[in-house]
Amino acid sequence: MSVRTSRLLRLTFFVPLLASFGCMATGWRDDFYRIAPDIARERAAFDFGCPKEQLTVERVGDLNPHGVTGCGKKAAYIVSCSGTIYSMKRESCSAALNGTIQETTAEGAKAR
C-alpha cells in the first residue's frame, strides 16, 4: 500500500469520526438549553411559593445562570445535569439558588 493510499484511508476514517464528536457536543448543549429553563422554573416555584406557570425564565449567561421572575420576586439559579454528551435526561438535572431571592414589588426591594 502506498503512503498516499494509507493517508487517504486514515482521512476517510478519522474526519467523519471527529465530525461526529462535534455533533454530540452540540447535541448536549441543545438538550441543556431545552431542559434547563424548566428545571430553574420548578425550583423557583418551590422557593417563591408560586405556581410555575406565573414564572418567566431567561438565560443570563452562556449556559448559566438562569434568571427567574414572577410573583413579585426574582432570583438566579445555576442548573447542573449529571448526564453525558450521549444522553442527558431531565431527571438528572437540578437547580441551585445563586445568591438571594429579591422582592420586585414597589413596597420593598429587599433580599430574603
Protein backbone atom coordinates (compact mmCIF):
# COMPACT_ATOMS: atom_id res chain seq x y z
CA MET A 1 0.00 0.00 0.00
CA SER A 2 1.41 3.36 -0.94
CA VAL A 3 1.86 6.21 1.52
CA ARG A 4 -0.71 8.26 -0.35
CA THR A 5 -3.33 5.49 -0.16
CA SER A 6 -2.62 4.99 3.54
CA ARG A 7 -3.13 8.72 4.28
CA LEU A 8 -6.33 8.75 2.25
CA LEU A 9 -7.71 5.77 4.18
CA ARG A 10 -6.87 7.42 7.52
CA LEU A 11 -8.56 10.65 6.46
CA THR A 12 -11.62 8.77 5.24
CA PHE A 13 -11.95 7.15 8.66
CA PHE A 14 -10.92 9.91 11.08
CA VAL A 15 -12.56 13.00 9.56
CA PRO A 16 -16.15 11.65 9.89
CA LEU A 17 -15.29 10.30 13.33
CA LEU A 18 -14.06 13.68 14.56
CA ALA A 19 -17.03 15.45 13.00
CA SER A 20 -19.42 13.14 14.87
CA PHE A 21 -17.83 14.16 18.19
CA GLY A 22 -18.58 17.78 17.37
CA CYS A 23 -22.22 16.90 16.70
CA MET A 24 -22.51 15.07 20.03
CA ALA A 25 -21.14 18.04 21.93
CA THR A 26 -23.59 20.36 20.19
CA GLY A 27 -26.43 17.93 20.89
CA TRP A 28 -25.65 18.03 24.61
CA ARG A 29 -25.75 21.82 24.63
CA ASP A 30 -29.06 21.85 22.74
CA ASP A 31 -30.53 19.39 25.26
CA PHE A 32 -29.32 21.58 28.13
CA TYR A 33 -30.84 24.73 26.59
CA ARG A 34 -34.14 22.87 26.22
CA ILE A 35 -34.21 21.32 29.72
CA ALA A 36 -32.57 23.95 31.99
CA PRO A 37 -35.27 26.66 31.96
CA ASP A 38 -37.92 24.21 33.18
CA ILE A 39 -35.62 22.93 35.94
CA ALA A 40 -34.94 26.50 37.12
CA ARG A 41 -38.65 27.36 36.93
CA GLU A 42 -39.65 24.34 39.03
CA ARG A 43 -37.10 25.16 41.74
CA ALA A 44 -38.15 28.83 41.79
CA ALA A 45 -41.81 27.86 42.09
CA PHE A 46 -40.93 25.98 45.28
CA ASP A 47 -38.68 28.76 46.62
CA PHE A 48 -41.13 31.57 45.77
CA GLY A 49 -44.24 29.65 46.85
CA CYS A 50 -45.69 30.48 43.46
CA PRO A 51 -47.23 28.46 40.57
CA LYS A 52 -44.60 27.75 37.93
CA GLU A 53 -46.97 28.98 35.20
CA GLN A 54 -46.58 32.52 36.62
CA LEU A 55 -42.78 32.48 36.32
CA THR A 56 -40.62 33.60 33.41
CA VAL A 57 -37.07 32.40 32.81
CA GLU A 58 -34.23 34.00 30.88
CA ARG A 59 -30.68 32.81 30.40
CA VAL A 60 -28.32 35.36 31.92
CA GLY A 61 -25.01 33.84 30.77
CA ASP A 62 -23.91 31.43 28.05
CA LEU A 63 -25.18 28.32 29.88
CA ASN A 64 -25.86 29.60 33.40
CA PRO A 65 -27.27 31.22 35.46
CA HIS A 66 -30.97 31.36 34.67
CA GLY A 67 -32.90 34.37 35.95
CA VAL A 68 -36.42 33.59 37.16
CA THR A 69 -39.00 36.32 37.76
CA GLY A 70 -42.61 36.22 38.94
CA CYS A 71 -45.00 36.62 41.87
CA GLY A 72 -43.17 39.76 43.00
CA LYS A 73 -39.78 38.00 43.27
CA LYS A 74 -36.68 37.33 41.23
CA ALA A 75 -33.63 35.11 41.64
CA ALA A 76 -30.83 33.48 39.68
CA TYR A 77 -30.36 29.72 39.54
CA ILE A 78 -27.48 27.53 38.43
CA VAL A 79 -28.69 24.41 36.63
CA SER A 80 -26.48 21.34 36.51
CA CYS A 81 -27.06 17.95 34.93
CA SER A 82 -25.23 14.70 35.51
CA GLY A 83 -25.89 13.35 32.01
CA THR A 84 -23.20 12.86 29.42
CA ILE A 85 -22.90 14.19 25.89
CA TYR A 86 -24.54 10.95 24.78
CA SER A 87 -27.67 11.12 26.93
CA MET A 88 -28.99 13.90 29.10
CA LYS A 89 -32.16 13.15 30.95
CA ARG A 90 -34.30 15.72 32.70
CA GLU A 91 -34.29 13.62 35.88
CA SER A 92 -30.51 14.03 36.16
CA CYS A 93 -30.73 17.84 36.43
CA SER A 94 -31.15 20.12 39.43
CA ALA A 95 -31.17 23.86 40.12
CA ALA A 96 -29.49 25.70 42.98
CA LEU A 97 -30.16 29.25 44.09
CA ASN A 98 -27.29 31.53 43.08
CA GLY A 99 -27.48 34.42 45.56
CA THR A 100 -30.66 35.62 47.23
CA ILE A 101 -34.32 35.90 46.33
CA GLN A 102 -35.20 39.55 45.81
CA GLU A 103 -38.56 41.26 46.09
CA THR A 104 -39.57 43.06 42.90
CA THR A 105 -42.64 44.81 44.28
CA ALA A 106 -42.62 48.59 44.75
CA GLU A 107 -43.16 48.22 48.53
CA GLY A 108 -39.71 46.97 49.23
CA ALA A 109 -36.96 45.73 47.02
CA LYS A 110 -35.12 43.75 49.67
CA ALA A 111 -33.36 40.40 49.71
CA ARG A 112 -34.93 37.49 51.52
